[in-house]
């Protein structure tokens, strides 16, 4: 375990790299609806699966065109290294259908919301396979998640280490998620490390790299 002072030093070392990554995320929303939807599909795949495997699988589906036109069985066959691939393929097709009105219109729908917390609620309610964590992850990855926490096991482990939480939760209800998110935001203020930076900082501390 590193001390809070050591965490601040690590942040100082990684700050520029983190800011570049966050800038990349913000630019993603300026790209096509297909690009934004690809990020949603990636986040649908991530529960209990390697982010690298999910990223590789989605890139393969984009290149083949199946992500935007394939059936659930066709997509499932290409989700290499993704656990529960049959269910996740169904979720991807359902999400594609939800955001399609003659053509894919995901950006238009997302832009209807001014409040990111309301947008997250909307996604959790309407998109199969998206819980609070996955919806927060998606919104961060398209440049809208500065106020949101992505409470995966890496983050929770670090929050426990720094005394932000007292124990590792076995499961996280919506109420518990919001409670921990608030505590993480308070920790962000006391350490003077932006909330959006903390996620990538903890990730790099655990894995040695800044990914997504």
N, C-alpha and C. Protein backbone atom coordinates (compact mmCIF):
# COMPACT_ATOMS: atom_id res chain seq x y z
N UNK A 1 0.84 -1.21 0.00
CA UNK A 1 0.00 0.00 0.00
C UNK A 1 0.87 1.26 0.00
N UNK A 2 0.55 2.19 -0.86
CA UNK A 2 1.24 3.47 -0.86
C UNK A 2 0.49 4.45 0.03
N UNK A 3 1.23 5.40 0.59
CA UNK A 3 0.59 6.43 1.40
C UNK A 3 -0.10 7.44 0.48
N UNK A 4 -0.91 8.30 1.08
CA UNK A 4 -1.59 9.32 0.29
C UNK A 4 -0.57 10.26 -0.35
N UNK A 5 0.51 10.56 0.39
CA UNK A 5 1.55 11.42 -0.18
C UNK A 5 2.19 10.75 -1.39
N UNK A 6 2.43 9.45 -1.30
CA UNK A 6 3.00 8.71 -2.43
C UNK A 6 2.02 8.68 -3.60
N UNK A 7 0.72 8.59 -3.28
CA UNK A 7 -0.30 8.62 -4.33
C UNK A 7 -0.27 9.96 -5.06
N UNK A 8 -0.12 11.04 -4.29
CA UNK A 8 -0.04 12.37 -4.90
C UNK A 8 1.19 12.50 -5.79
N UNK A 9 2.30 11.91 -5.34
CA UNK A 9 3.53 11.93 -6.14
C UNK A 9 3.34 11.14 -7.43
N UNK A 10 2.66 9.99 -7.32
CA UNK A 10 2.39 9.18 -8.51
C UNK A 10 1.50 9.95 -9.48
N UNK A 11 0.53 10.66 -8.92
CA UNK A 11 -0.36 11.46 -9.77
C UNK A 11 0.43 12.55 -10.50
N UNK A 12 1.36 13.18 -9.79
CA UNK A 12 2.18 14.22 -10.43
C UNK A 12 2.97 13.64 -11.60
N UNK A 13 3.44 12.40 -11.43
CA UNK A 13 4.21 11.74 -12.50
C UNK A 13 3.32 11.36 -13.68
N UNK A 14 2.10 10.94 -13.39
CA UNK A 14 1.21 10.41 -14.43
C UNK A 14 0.22 11.44 -14.98
N UNK A 15 0.20 12.63 -14.38
CA UNK A 15 -0.84 13.61 -14.69
C UNK A 15 -0.94 13.92 -16.18
N UNK A 16 0.18 14.19 -16.80
CA UNK A 16 0.16 14.55 -18.23
C UNK A 16 -0.39 13.42 -19.08
N UNK A 17 0.03 12.20 -18.78
CA UNK A 17 -0.44 11.03 -19.52
C UNK A 17 -1.95 10.83 -19.33
N UNK A 18 -2.41 11.02 -18.09
CA UNK A 18 -3.84 10.89 -17.79
C UNK A 18 -4.64 11.95 -18.55
N UNK A 19 -4.14 13.18 -18.56
CA UNK A 19 -4.86 14.27 -19.23
C UNK A 19 -4.96 14.03 -20.74
N UNK A 20 -3.93 13.44 -21.32
CA UNK A 20 -3.97 13.10 -22.75
C UNK A 20 -5.05 12.05 -23.00
N UNK A 21 -5.12 11.05 -22.11
CA UNK A 21 -6.12 9.99 -22.27
C UNK A 21 -7.53 10.55 -22.13
N UNK A 22 -7.74 11.42 -21.14
CA UNK A 22 -9.06 12.02 -20.95
C UNK A 22 -9.44 12.91 -22.13
N UNK A 23 -8.45 13.56 -22.72
CA UNK A 23 -8.70 14.37 -23.91
C UNK A 23 -9.12 13.48 -25.08
N UNK A 24 -8.50 12.30 -25.19
CA UNK A 24 -8.89 11.33 -26.22
C UNK A 24 -10.35 10.94 -26.05
N UNK A 25 -10.75 10.71 -24.79
CA UNK A 25 -12.14 10.32 -24.52
C UNK A 25 -13.10 11.42 -24.97
N UNK A 26 -12.76 12.68 -24.64
CA UNK A 26 -13.66 13.80 -24.97
C UNK A 26 -13.79 13.96 -26.49
N UNK A 27 -12.74 13.66 -27.23
CA UNK A 27 -12.79 13.78 -28.68
C UNK A 27 -13.61 12.67 -29.32
N UNK A 28 -13.79 11.57 -28.61
CA UNK A 28 -14.50 10.43 -29.19
C UNK A 28 -15.94 10.78 -29.53
N UNK A 29 -16.58 11.62 -28.71
CA UNK A 29 -17.98 11.95 -28.97
C UNK A 29 -18.15 12.77 -30.24
N UNK A 30 -17.08 13.40 -30.70
CA UNK A 30 -17.15 14.19 -31.94
C UNK A 30 -17.10 13.28 -33.17
N UNK A 31 -16.83 12.02 -32.96
CA UNK A 31 -16.74 11.07 -34.08
C UNK A 31 -18.13 10.53 -34.41
N UNK A 32 -18.20 9.50 -35.19
CA UNK A 32 -19.48 9.00 -35.71
C UNK A 32 -20.33 8.30 -34.65
N UNK A 33 -21.61 8.14 -34.95
CA UNK A 33 -22.49 7.36 -34.09
C UNK A 33 -21.97 5.94 -33.95
N UNK A 34 -21.40 5.41 -35.01
CA UNK A 34 -20.86 4.05 -34.98
C UNK A 34 -19.70 3.94 -33.99
N UNK A 35 -18.87 4.97 -33.93
CA UNK A 35 -17.74 4.96 -33.00
C UNK A 35 -18.23 5.01 -31.56
N UNK A 36 -19.22 5.87 -31.30
CA UNK A 36 -19.78 5.97 -29.95
C UNK A 36 -20.47 4.66 -29.57
N UNK A 37 -21.20 4.07 -30.50
CA UNK A 37 -21.86 2.80 -30.20
C UNK A 37 -20.84 1.70 -29.94
N UNK A 38 -19.72 1.72 -30.66
CA UNK A 38 -18.66 0.73 -30.44
C UNK A 38 -18.17 0.77 -29.00
N UNK A 39 -18.10 1.99 -28.44
CA UNK A 39 -17.66 2.14 -27.05
C UNK A 39 -18.70 1.58 -26.10
N UNK A 40 -19.97 1.76 -26.43
CA UNK A 40 -21.04 1.18 -25.62
C UNK A 40 -20.95 -0.35 -25.65
N UNK A 41 -20.73 -0.90 -26.83
CA UNK A 41 -20.61 -2.36 -26.97
C UNK A 41 -19.43 -2.88 -26.16
N UNK A 42 -18.32 -2.15 -26.17
CA UNK A 42 -17.15 -2.51 -25.38
C UNK A 42 -17.51 -2.59 -23.89
N UNK A 43 -18.22 -1.57 -23.40
CA UNK A 43 -18.57 -1.54 -21.97
C UNK A 43 -19.59 -2.62 -21.61
N UNK A 44 -20.46 -2.99 -22.54
CA UNK A 44 -21.39 -4.10 -22.31
C UNK A 44 -20.61 -5.40 -22.12
N UNK A 45 -19.48 -5.52 -22.81
CA UNK A 45 -18.70 -6.76 -22.76
C UNK A 45 -17.82 -6.89 -21.53
N UNK A 46 -17.50 -5.78 -20.86
CA UNK A 46 -16.45 -5.80 -19.84
C UNK A 46 -16.74 -6.56 -18.53
N UNK A 47 -17.99 -6.71 -18.08
CA UNK A 47 -18.17 -7.42 -16.80
C UNK A 47 -17.55 -8.81 -16.81
N UNK A 48 -16.68 -9.06 -15.83
CA UNK A 48 -16.01 -10.34 -15.61
C UNK A 48 -15.14 -10.76 -16.81
N UNK A 49 -14.73 -9.80 -17.60
CA UNK A 49 -13.87 -10.08 -18.75
C UNK A 49 -12.73 -9.07 -18.81
N UNK A 50 -11.63 -9.46 -19.44
CA UNK A 50 -10.48 -8.58 -19.61
C UNK A 50 -10.83 -7.43 -20.55
N UNK A 51 -10.49 -6.21 -20.14
CA UNK A 51 -10.75 -5.04 -20.99
C UNK A 51 -10.02 -5.17 -22.32
N UNK A 52 -8.82 -5.72 -22.29
CA UNK A 52 -8.05 -5.88 -23.53
C UNK A 52 -8.75 -6.86 -24.48
N UNK A 53 -9.26 -7.97 -23.93
CA UNK A 53 -9.98 -8.94 -24.76
C UNK A 53 -11.23 -8.33 -25.36
N UNK A 54 -11.95 -7.56 -24.55
CA UNK A 54 -13.18 -6.90 -25.03
C UNK A 54 -12.87 -5.90 -26.12
N UNK A 55 -11.82 -5.12 -25.92
CA UNK A 55 -11.43 -4.11 -26.91
C UNK A 55 -11.07 -4.78 -28.24
N UNK A 56 -10.31 -5.85 -28.15
CA UNK A 56 -9.90 -6.57 -29.36
C UNK A 56 -11.10 -7.16 -30.09
N UNK A 57 -12.04 -7.75 -29.32
CA UNK A 57 -13.23 -8.36 -29.91
C UNK A 57 -14.10 -7.32 -30.62
N UNK A 58 -14.30 -6.17 -29.98
CA UNK A 58 -15.13 -5.12 -30.59
C UNK A 58 -14.46 -4.56 -31.83
N UNK A 59 -13.17 -4.37 -31.79
CA UNK A 59 -12.46 -3.88 -32.99
C UNK A 59 -12.64 -4.86 -34.16
N UNK A 60 -12.59 -6.16 -33.85
CA UNK A 60 -12.81 -7.16 -34.89
C UNK A 60 -14.21 -7.10 -35.46
N UNK A 61 -15.19 -6.86 -34.60
CA UNK A 61 -16.58 -6.75 -35.05
C UNK A 61 -16.80 -5.49 -35.89
N UNK A 62 -16.12 -4.42 -35.54
CA UNK A 62 -16.21 -3.18 -36.33
C UNK A 62 -15.62 -3.41 -37.72
N UNK A 63 -14.45 -4.03 -37.76
CA UNK A 63 -13.77 -4.27 -39.04
C UNK A 63 -14.60 -5.17 -39.96
N UNK A 64 -15.27 -6.14 -39.37
CA UNK A 64 -16.08 -7.07 -40.17
C UNK A 64 -17.44 -6.49 -40.55
N UNK A 65 -17.83 -5.41 -39.85
CA UNK A 65 -19.14 -4.81 -40.08
C UNK A 65 -20.25 -5.46 -39.29
N UNK A 66 -19.94 -6.55 -38.60
CA UNK A 66 -20.98 -7.30 -37.89
C UNK A 66 -21.55 -6.54 -36.69
N UNK A 67 -20.76 -5.64 -36.11
CA UNK A 67 -21.26 -4.91 -34.95
C UNK A 67 -22.50 -4.09 -35.31
N UNK A 68 -22.58 -3.65 -36.56
CA UNK A 68 -23.67 -2.77 -36.98
C UNK A 68 -24.75 -3.48 -37.79
N UNK A 69 -24.50 -4.71 -38.18
CA UNK A 69 -25.50 -5.41 -39.01
C UNK A 69 -25.66 -6.88 -38.65
N UNK A 70 -24.77 -7.41 -37.81
CA UNK A 70 -24.81 -8.84 -37.52
C UNK A 70 -25.90 -9.22 -36.54
N UNK A 71 -26.30 -10.48 -36.59
CA UNK A 71 -27.25 -11.03 -35.63
C UNK A 71 -26.51 -11.36 -34.34
N UNK A 72 -27.27 -11.64 -33.29
CA UNK A 72 -26.66 -12.01 -32.01
C UNK A 72 -25.77 -13.25 -32.15
N UNK A 73 -26.21 -14.33 -32.83
CA UNK A 73 -25.33 -15.49 -33.01
C UNK A 73 -24.05 -15.15 -33.78
N UNK A 74 -24.15 -14.29 -34.79
CA UNK A 74 -22.96 -13.91 -35.56
C UNK A 74 -21.98 -13.12 -34.70
N UNK A 75 -22.52 -12.21 -33.89
CA UNK A 75 -21.67 -11.41 -33.01
C UNK A 75 -21.05 -12.29 -31.93
N UNK A 76 -21.84 -13.18 -31.36
CA UNK A 76 -21.37 -14.06 -30.30
C UNK A 76 -20.14 -14.85 -30.71
N UNK A 77 -20.13 -15.32 -31.94
CA UNK A 77 -19.00 -16.12 -32.44
C UNK A 77 -17.70 -15.33 -32.51
N UNK A 78 -17.82 -14.01 -32.54
CA UNK A 78 -16.63 -13.15 -32.66
C UNK A 78 -16.20 -12.54 -31.33
N UNK A 79 -16.91 -12.83 -30.26
CA UNK A 79 -16.55 -12.27 -28.96
C UNK A 79 -15.50 -13.14 -28.28
N UNK A 80 -14.35 -13.24 -28.92
CA UNK A 80 -13.27 -14.08 -28.41
C UNK A 80 -12.75 -13.54 -27.08
N UNK A 81 -12.64 -14.43 -26.09
CA UNK A 81 -12.11 -14.03 -24.80
C UNK A 81 -13.08 -13.27 -23.92
N UNK A 82 -14.34 -13.14 -24.36
CA UNK A 82 -15.36 -12.42 -23.59
C UNK A 82 -16.27 -13.43 -22.92
N UNK A 83 -16.36 -13.37 -21.62
CA UNK A 83 -17.22 -14.31 -20.88
C UNK A 83 -18.70 -13.98 -21.12
N UNK A 84 -19.53 -15.02 -21.05
CA UNK A 84 -20.98 -14.89 -21.24
C UNK A 84 -21.27 -14.24 -22.61
N UNK A 85 -20.52 -14.68 -23.62
CA UNK A 85 -20.57 -14.04 -24.94
C UNK A 85 -21.95 -14.12 -25.59
N UNK A 86 -22.70 -15.19 -25.33
CA UNK A 86 -24.04 -15.29 -25.94
C UNK A 86 -24.97 -14.20 -25.41
N UNK A 87 -24.97 -14.04 -24.08
CA UNK A 87 -25.81 -13.00 -23.48
C UNK A 87 -25.37 -11.61 -23.93
N UNK A 88 -24.07 -11.38 -23.93
CA UNK A 88 -23.56 -10.05 -24.28
C UNK A 88 -23.83 -9.71 -25.75
N UNK A 89 -23.79 -10.72 -26.60
CA UNK A 89 -24.13 -10.50 -28.02
C UNK A 89 -25.60 -10.06 -28.12
N UNK A 90 -26.47 -10.69 -27.34
CA UNK A 90 -27.90 -10.31 -27.34
C UNK A 90 -28.06 -8.88 -26.83
N UNK A 91 -27.30 -8.53 -25.80
CA UNK A 91 -27.39 -7.17 -25.24
C UNK A 91 -26.93 -6.13 -26.27
N UNK A 92 -25.87 -6.45 -27.01
CA UNK A 92 -25.36 -5.52 -28.02
C UNK A 92 -26.41 -5.29 -29.11
N UNK A 93 -27.03 -6.36 -29.58
CA UNK A 93 -28.06 -6.23 -30.62
C UNK A 93 -29.26 -5.44 -30.09
N UNK A 94 -29.64 -5.70 -28.84
CA UNK A 94 -30.77 -4.97 -28.24
C UNK A 94 -30.45 -3.49 -28.12
N UNK A 95 -29.21 -3.17 -27.73
CA UNK A 95 -28.80 -1.77 -27.62
C UNK A 95 -28.77 -1.10 -29.00
N UNK A 96 -28.30 -1.83 -29.98
CA UNK A 96 -28.27 -1.30 -31.36
C UNK A 96 -29.68 -0.99 -31.84
N UNK A 97 -30.60 -1.90 -31.57
CA UNK A 97 -32.00 -1.69 -31.96
C UNK A 97 -32.59 -0.48 -31.22
N UNK A 98 -32.25 -0.35 -29.94
CA UNK A 98 -32.80 0.74 -29.12
C UNK A 98 -32.40 2.11 -29.67
N UNK A 99 -31.16 2.21 -30.17
CA UNK A 99 -30.66 3.50 -30.64
C UNK A 99 -30.80 3.68 -32.16
N UNK A 100 -31.53 2.77 -32.80
CA UNK A 100 -31.70 2.86 -34.25
C UNK A 100 -33.10 3.34 -34.61
N UNK A 101 -33.16 4.43 -35.36
CA UNK A 101 -34.41 4.94 -35.92
C UNK A 101 -34.11 5.25 -37.39
N UNK A 102 -34.32 4.26 -38.23
CA UNK A 102 -33.90 4.27 -39.64
C UNK A 102 -32.39 4.13 -39.75
N UNK A 103 -31.65 4.88 -38.93
CA UNK A 103 -30.20 4.70 -38.85
C UNK A 103 -29.79 4.84 -37.38
N UNK A 104 -28.55 4.50 -37.08
CA UNK A 104 -28.05 4.57 -35.70
C UNK A 104 -27.99 6.02 -35.24
N UNK A 105 -28.65 6.34 -34.11
CA UNK A 105 -28.75 7.73 -33.64
C UNK A 105 -28.42 7.83 -32.15
N UNK A 106 -27.34 7.20 -31.73
CA UNK A 106 -27.03 7.18 -30.31
C UNK A 106 -26.63 8.56 -29.79
N UNK A 107 -25.88 9.32 -30.56
CA UNK A 107 -25.42 10.63 -30.08
C UNK A 107 -26.60 11.58 -29.86
N UNK A 108 -27.53 11.56 -30.76
CA UNK A 108 -28.71 12.42 -30.66
C UNK A 108 -29.48 12.14 -29.38
N UNK A 109 -29.62 10.85 -29.03
CA UNK A 109 -30.34 10.47 -27.81
C UNK A 109 -29.56 10.90 -26.57
N UNK A 110 -28.27 10.69 -26.56
CA UNK A 110 -27.46 11.06 -25.39
C UNK A 110 -27.46 12.56 -25.17
N UNK A 111 -27.51 13.33 -26.24
CA UNK A 111 -27.47 14.79 -26.13
C UNK A 111 -28.77 15.39 -25.59
N UNK A 112 -29.80 14.56 -25.47
CA UNK A 112 -31.06 15.05 -24.90
C UNK A 112 -30.93 15.35 -23.40
N UNK A 113 -29.89 14.80 -22.78
CA UNK A 113 -29.73 14.92 -21.33
C UNK A 113 -28.68 15.97 -20.99
N UNK A 114 -29.04 16.90 -20.12
CA UNK A 114 -28.07 17.90 -19.65
C UNK A 114 -27.37 17.42 -18.39
N UNK A 115 -28.03 16.56 -17.64
CA UNK A 115 -27.48 16.06 -16.37
C UNK A 115 -26.92 14.65 -16.57
N UNK A 116 -25.63 14.48 -16.31
CA UNK A 116 -24.99 13.18 -16.57
C UNK A 116 -25.51 12.09 -15.65
N UNK A 117 -25.96 12.46 -14.44
CA UNK A 117 -26.50 11.46 -13.52
C UNK A 117 -27.85 10.94 -14.03
N UNK A 118 -28.65 11.84 -14.61
CA UNK A 118 -29.91 11.42 -15.22
C UNK A 118 -29.65 10.55 -16.45
N UNK A 119 -28.63 10.89 -17.20
CA UNK A 119 -28.27 10.11 -18.38
C UNK A 119 -27.84 8.70 -17.98
N UNK A 120 -27.06 8.61 -16.92
CA UNK A 120 -26.64 7.29 -16.43
C UNK A 120 -27.86 6.46 -16.01
N UNK A 121 -28.79 7.10 -15.32
CA UNK A 121 -30.03 6.40 -14.92
C UNK A 121 -30.77 5.88 -16.15
N UNK A 122 -30.85 6.70 -17.16
CA UNK A 122 -31.53 6.33 -18.40
C UNK A 122 -30.87 5.10 -19.03
N UNK A 123 -29.56 5.10 -19.08
CA UNK A 123 -28.84 3.98 -19.68
C UNK A 123 -29.03 2.69 -18.88
N UNK A 124 -28.93 2.79 -17.57
CA UNK A 124 -29.10 1.61 -16.71
C UNK A 124 -30.51 1.04 -16.87
N UNK A 125 -31.49 1.91 -16.99
CA UNK A 125 -32.89 1.49 -17.10
C UNK A 125 -33.19 0.85 -18.45
N UNK A 126 -32.56 1.35 -19.52
CA UNK A 126 -32.98 0.96 -20.87
C UNK A 126 -32.03 0.03 -21.62
N UNK A 127 -30.78 -0.08 -21.19
CA UNK A 127 -29.81 -0.88 -21.93
C UNK A 127 -29.47 -2.15 -21.16
N UNK A 128 -29.88 -3.28 -21.70
CA UNK A 128 -29.59 -4.57 -21.07
C UNK A 128 -28.08 -4.75 -20.93
N UNK A 129 -27.66 -5.26 -19.78
CA UNK A 129 -26.24 -5.53 -19.57
C UNK A 129 -25.46 -4.37 -19.00
N UNK A 130 -26.11 -3.21 -18.85
CA UNK A 130 -25.43 -2.05 -18.27
C UNK A 130 -25.91 -1.82 -16.85
N UNK A 131 -24.99 -1.97 -15.91
CA UNK A 131 -25.28 -1.57 -14.54
C UNK A 131 -24.67 -0.19 -14.30
N UNK A 132 -24.64 0.23 -13.05
CA UNK A 132 -24.09 1.55 -12.73
C UNK A 132 -22.63 1.66 -13.14
N UNK A 133 -21.87 0.61 -12.90
CA UNK A 133 -20.44 0.64 -13.23
C UNK A 133 -20.23 0.75 -14.74
N UNK A 134 -20.93 -0.10 -15.50
CA UNK A 134 -20.73 -0.12 -16.96
C UNK A 134 -21.22 1.18 -17.61
N UNK A 135 -22.34 1.72 -17.12
CA UNK A 135 -22.86 2.98 -17.65
C UNK A 135 -21.88 4.12 -17.35
N UNK A 136 -21.30 4.12 -16.15
CA UNK A 136 -20.31 5.14 -15.78
C UNK A 136 -19.07 5.00 -16.65
N UNK A 137 -18.66 3.78 -16.90
CA UNK A 137 -17.49 3.49 -17.73
C UNK A 137 -17.71 4.03 -19.15
N UNK A 138 -18.88 3.75 -19.70
CA UNK A 138 -19.21 4.21 -21.05
C UNK A 138 -19.18 5.73 -21.12
N UNK A 139 -19.83 6.38 -20.17
CA UNK A 139 -19.91 7.84 -20.19
C UNK A 139 -18.52 8.47 -20.01
N UNK A 140 -17.68 7.87 -19.18
CA UNK A 140 -16.31 8.36 -19.04
C UNK A 140 -15.56 8.22 -20.37
N UNK A 141 -15.77 7.09 -21.04
CA UNK A 141 -15.03 6.81 -22.27
C UNK A 141 -15.46 7.65 -23.46
N UNK A 142 -16.60 8.34 -23.33
CA UNK A 142 -17.00 9.26 -24.40
C UNK A 142 -16.94 10.71 -23.91
N UNK A 143 -16.18 10.92 -22.83
CA UNK A 143 -15.90 12.28 -22.37
C UNK A 143 -16.96 12.93 -21.53
N UNK A 144 -17.88 12.14 -20.96
CA UNK A 144 -18.97 12.71 -20.17
C UNK A 144 -18.92 12.30 -18.69
N UNK A 145 -17.86 11.65 -18.27
CA UNK A 145 -17.89 11.03 -16.95
C UNK A 145 -17.04 11.66 -15.88
N UNK A 146 -16.74 12.96 -16.00
CA UNK A 146 -15.86 13.60 -15.02
C UNK A 146 -16.40 13.53 -13.59
N UNK A 147 -17.73 13.46 -13.45
CA UNK A 147 -18.33 13.46 -12.11
C UNK A 147 -18.69 12.05 -11.63
N UNK A 148 -18.37 11.04 -12.44
CA UNK A 148 -18.80 9.68 -12.14
C UNK A 148 -17.63 8.81 -11.70
N UNK A 149 -17.94 7.81 -10.88
CA UNK A 149 -16.94 6.83 -10.46
C UNK A 149 -17.22 5.49 -11.14
N UNK A 150 -16.15 4.82 -11.54
CA UNK A 150 -16.27 3.49 -12.13
C UNK A 150 -15.80 2.50 -11.08
N UNK A 151 -16.74 1.94 -10.35
CA UNK A 151 -16.39 1.15 -9.17
C UNK A 151 -16.15 -0.32 -9.51
N UNK A 152 -15.02 -0.57 -10.20
CA UNK A 152 -14.63 -1.96 -10.46
C UNK A 152 -13.74 -2.44 -9.31
N UNK A 153 -13.27 -3.67 -9.39
CA UNK A 153 -12.53 -4.25 -8.26
C UNK A 153 -11.21 -3.52 -8.01
N UNK A 154 -10.56 -3.00 -9.08
CA UNK A 154 -9.31 -2.24 -8.90
C UNK A 154 -9.57 -0.99 -8.07
N UNK A 155 -10.63 -0.29 -8.41
CA UNK A 155 -10.97 0.95 -7.71
C UNK A 155 -11.36 0.65 -6.26
N UNK A 156 -12.22 -0.34 -6.07
CA UNK A 156 -12.67 -0.68 -4.72
C UNK A 156 -11.51 -1.11 -3.83
N UNK A 157 -10.59 -1.88 -4.41
CA UNK A 157 -9.42 -2.32 -3.64
C UNK A 157 -8.61 -1.12 -3.16
N UNK A 158 -8.44 -0.13 -4.03
CA UNK A 158 -7.68 1.06 -3.64
C UNK A 158 -8.45 1.91 -2.65
N UNK A 159 -9.77 2.02 -2.84
CA UNK A 159 -10.57 2.78 -1.88
C UNK A 159 -10.51 2.15 -0.49
N UNK A 160 -10.45 0.84 -0.44
CA UNK A 160 -10.29 0.13 0.84
C UNK A 160 -8.92 0.43 1.44
N UNK A 161 -7.90 0.37 0.61
CA UNK A 161 -6.53 0.61 1.09
C UNK A 161 -6.35 2.00 1.68
N UNK A 162 -7.04 2.98 1.09
CA UNK A 162 -6.90 4.35 1.57
C UNK A 162 -7.95 4.73 2.59
N UNK A 163 -8.73 3.75 3.06
CA UNK A 163 -9.69 4.00 4.12
C UNK A 163 -10.95 4.73 3.70
N UNK A 164 -11.16 4.82 2.40
CA UNK A 164 -12.37 5.49 1.91
C UNK A 164 -13.60 4.63 2.20
N UNK A 165 -13.43 3.31 2.08
CA UNK A 165 -14.46 2.35 2.48
C UNK A 165 -13.86 1.42 3.52
N UNK A 166 -14.71 0.80 4.31
CA UNK A 166 -14.21 -0.03 5.42
C UNK A 166 -14.10 -1.51 5.07
N UNK A 167 -14.77 -1.93 3.99
CA UNK A 167 -14.71 -3.34 3.59
C UNK A 167 -15.06 -3.45 2.11
N UNK A 168 -14.65 -4.56 1.51
CA UNK A 168 -14.98 -4.82 0.11
C UNK A 168 -16.43 -5.32 0.04
N UNK A 169 -17.31 -4.60 -0.64
CA UNK A 169 -18.70 -5.06 -0.73
C UNK A 169 -18.82 -6.32 -1.59
N UNK A 170 -19.63 -7.27 -1.14
CA UNK A 170 -19.84 -8.50 -1.92
C UNK A 170 -20.68 -8.20 -3.16
N UNK A 171 -21.61 -7.28 -3.03
CA UNK A 171 -22.40 -6.82 -4.18
C UNK A 171 -22.70 -5.34 -3.94
N UNK A 172 -23.00 -4.64 -5.03
CA UNK A 172 -23.24 -3.20 -4.91
C UNK A 172 -24.60 -2.83 -5.49
N UNK A 173 -25.52 -2.48 -4.62
CA UNK A 173 -26.82 -1.98 -5.06
C UNK A 173 -26.63 -0.56 -5.59
N UNK A 174 -27.66 -0.03 -6.21
CA UNK A 174 -27.60 1.35 -6.68
C UNK A 174 -27.33 2.32 -5.52
N UNK A 175 -28.02 2.10 -4.41
CA UNK A 175 -27.83 2.97 -3.24
C UNK A 175 -26.40 2.91 -2.74
N UNK A 176 -25.84 1.70 -2.64
CA UNK A 176 -24.47 1.52 -2.17
C UNK A 176 -23.49 2.14 -3.17
N UNK A 177 -23.78 1.99 -4.46
CA UNK A 177 -22.91 2.56 -5.49
C UNK A 177 -22.82 4.08 -5.32
N UNK A 178 -23.97 4.72 -5.17
CA UNK A 178 -24.00 6.18 -5.01
C UNK A 178 -23.30 6.62 -3.73
N UNK A 179 -23.43 5.81 -2.69
CA UNK A 179 -22.78 6.11 -1.41
C UNK A 179 -21.26 6.08 -1.56
N UNK A 180 -20.74 5.02 -2.20
CA UNK A 180 -19.29 4.90 -2.39
C UNK A 180 -18.79 5.96 -3.36
N UNK A 181 -19.57 6.25 -4.39
CA UNK A 181 -19.19 7.28 -5.35
C UNK A 181 -19.03 8.64 -4.65
N UNK A 182 -19.94 8.95 -3.74
CA UNK A 182 -19.86 10.20 -2.98
C UNK A 182 -18.59 10.23 -2.13
N UNK A 183 -18.28 9.11 -1.49
CA UNK A 183 -17.07 9.03 -0.66
C UNK A 183 -15.81 9.19 -1.51
N UNK A 184 -15.83 8.60 -2.73
CA UNK A 184 -14.68 8.72 -3.62
C UNK A 184 -14.52 10.17 -4.08
N UNK A 185 -15.64 10.86 -4.31
CA UNK A 185 -15.59 12.27 -4.71
C UNK A 185 -15.01 13.12 -3.58
N UNK A 186 -15.35 12.78 -2.34
CA UNK A 186 -14.80 13.50 -1.18
C UNK A 186 -13.30 13.26 -1.06
N UNK A 187 -12.89 12.00 -1.30
CA UNK A 187 -11.46 11.66 -1.28
C UNK A 187 -10.72 12.44 -2.36
N UNK A 188 -11.36 12.60 -3.51
CA UNK A 188 -10.79 13.37 -4.61
C UNK A 188 -10.51 14.80 -4.17
N UNK A 189 -11.47 15.38 -3.47
CA UNK A 189 -11.31 16.77 -3.01
C UNK A 189 -10.19 16.89 -1.98
N UNK A 190 -10.14 15.96 -1.03
CA UNK A 190 -9.13 16.05 0.04
C UNK A 190 -7.71 15.81 -0.48
N UNK A 191 -7.59 14.99 -1.52
CA UNK A 191 -6.26 14.72 -2.10
C UNK A 191 -5.90 15.69 -3.21
N UNK A 192 -6.90 16.47 -3.66
CA UNK A 192 -6.72 17.40 -4.79
C UNK A 192 -6.35 16.66 -6.08
N UNK A 193 -6.87 15.43 -6.20
CA UNK A 193 -6.71 14.65 -7.43
C UNK A 193 -8.11 14.53 -8.05
N UNK A 194 -8.32 15.07 -9.26
CA UNK A 194 -9.66 15.03 -9.86
C UNK A 194 -10.23 13.62 -9.91
N UNK A 195 -11.53 13.53 -9.73
CA UNK A 195 -12.19 12.22 -9.72
C UNK A 195 -11.89 11.43 -10.99
N UNK A 196 -11.94 12.09 -12.13
CA UNK A 196 -11.67 11.41 -13.41
C UNK A 196 -10.23 10.90 -13.47
N UNK A 197 -9.32 11.60 -12.78
CA UNK A 197 -7.92 11.17 -12.75
C UNK A 197 -7.74 9.95 -11.85
N UNK A 198 -8.49 9.92 -10.75
CA UNK A 198 -8.31 8.85 -9.76
C UNK A 198 -8.51 7.47 -10.38
N UNK A 199 -9.53 7.34 -11.21
CA UNK A 199 -9.81 6.04 -11.82
C UNK A 199 -8.61 5.56 -12.63
N UNK A 200 -8.11 6.40 -13.51
CA UNK A 200 -6.98 6.01 -14.36
C UNK A 200 -5.70 5.87 -13.55
N UNK A 201 -5.57 6.66 -12.50
CA UNK A 201 -4.40 6.56 -11.62
C UNK A 201 -4.39 5.22 -10.89
N UNK A 202 -5.53 4.84 -10.32
CA UNK A 202 -5.63 3.55 -9.64
C UNK A 202 -5.40 2.39 -10.63
N UNK A 203 -5.97 2.54 -11.83
CA UNK A 203 -5.82 1.49 -12.85
C UNK A 203 -4.34 1.31 -13.20
N UNK A 204 -3.63 2.44 -13.41
CA UNK A 204 -2.22 2.35 -13.78
C UNK A 204 -1.38 1.82 -12.61
N UNK A 205 -1.80 2.14 -11.40
CA UNK A 205 -1.11 1.66 -10.20
C UNK A 205 -1.23 0.14 -10.10
N UNK A 206 -2.38 -0.40 -10.49
CA UNK A 206 -2.62 -1.83 -10.41
C UNK A 206 -2.05 -2.60 -11.60
N UNK A 207 -2.12 -2.01 -12.79
CA UNK A 207 -1.78 -2.74 -14.02
C UNK A 207 -0.51 -2.26 -14.69
N UNK A 208 -0.04 -1.06 -14.27
CA UNK A 208 1.17 -0.53 -14.88
C UNK A 208 0.92 0.27 -16.14
N UNK A 209 -0.35 0.44 -16.53
CA UNK A 209 -0.63 1.20 -17.75
C UNK A 209 -1.95 1.96 -17.61
N UNK A 210 -2.13 2.92 -18.48
CA UNK A 210 -3.37 3.69 -18.55
C UNK A 210 -4.11 3.22 -19.80
N UNK A 211 -5.24 2.54 -19.60
CA UNK A 211 -5.95 1.99 -20.75
C UNK A 211 -7.28 2.72 -20.89
N UNK A 212 -8.40 2.01 -20.69
CA UNK A 212 -9.70 2.68 -20.76
C UNK A 212 -10.75 1.89 -20.01
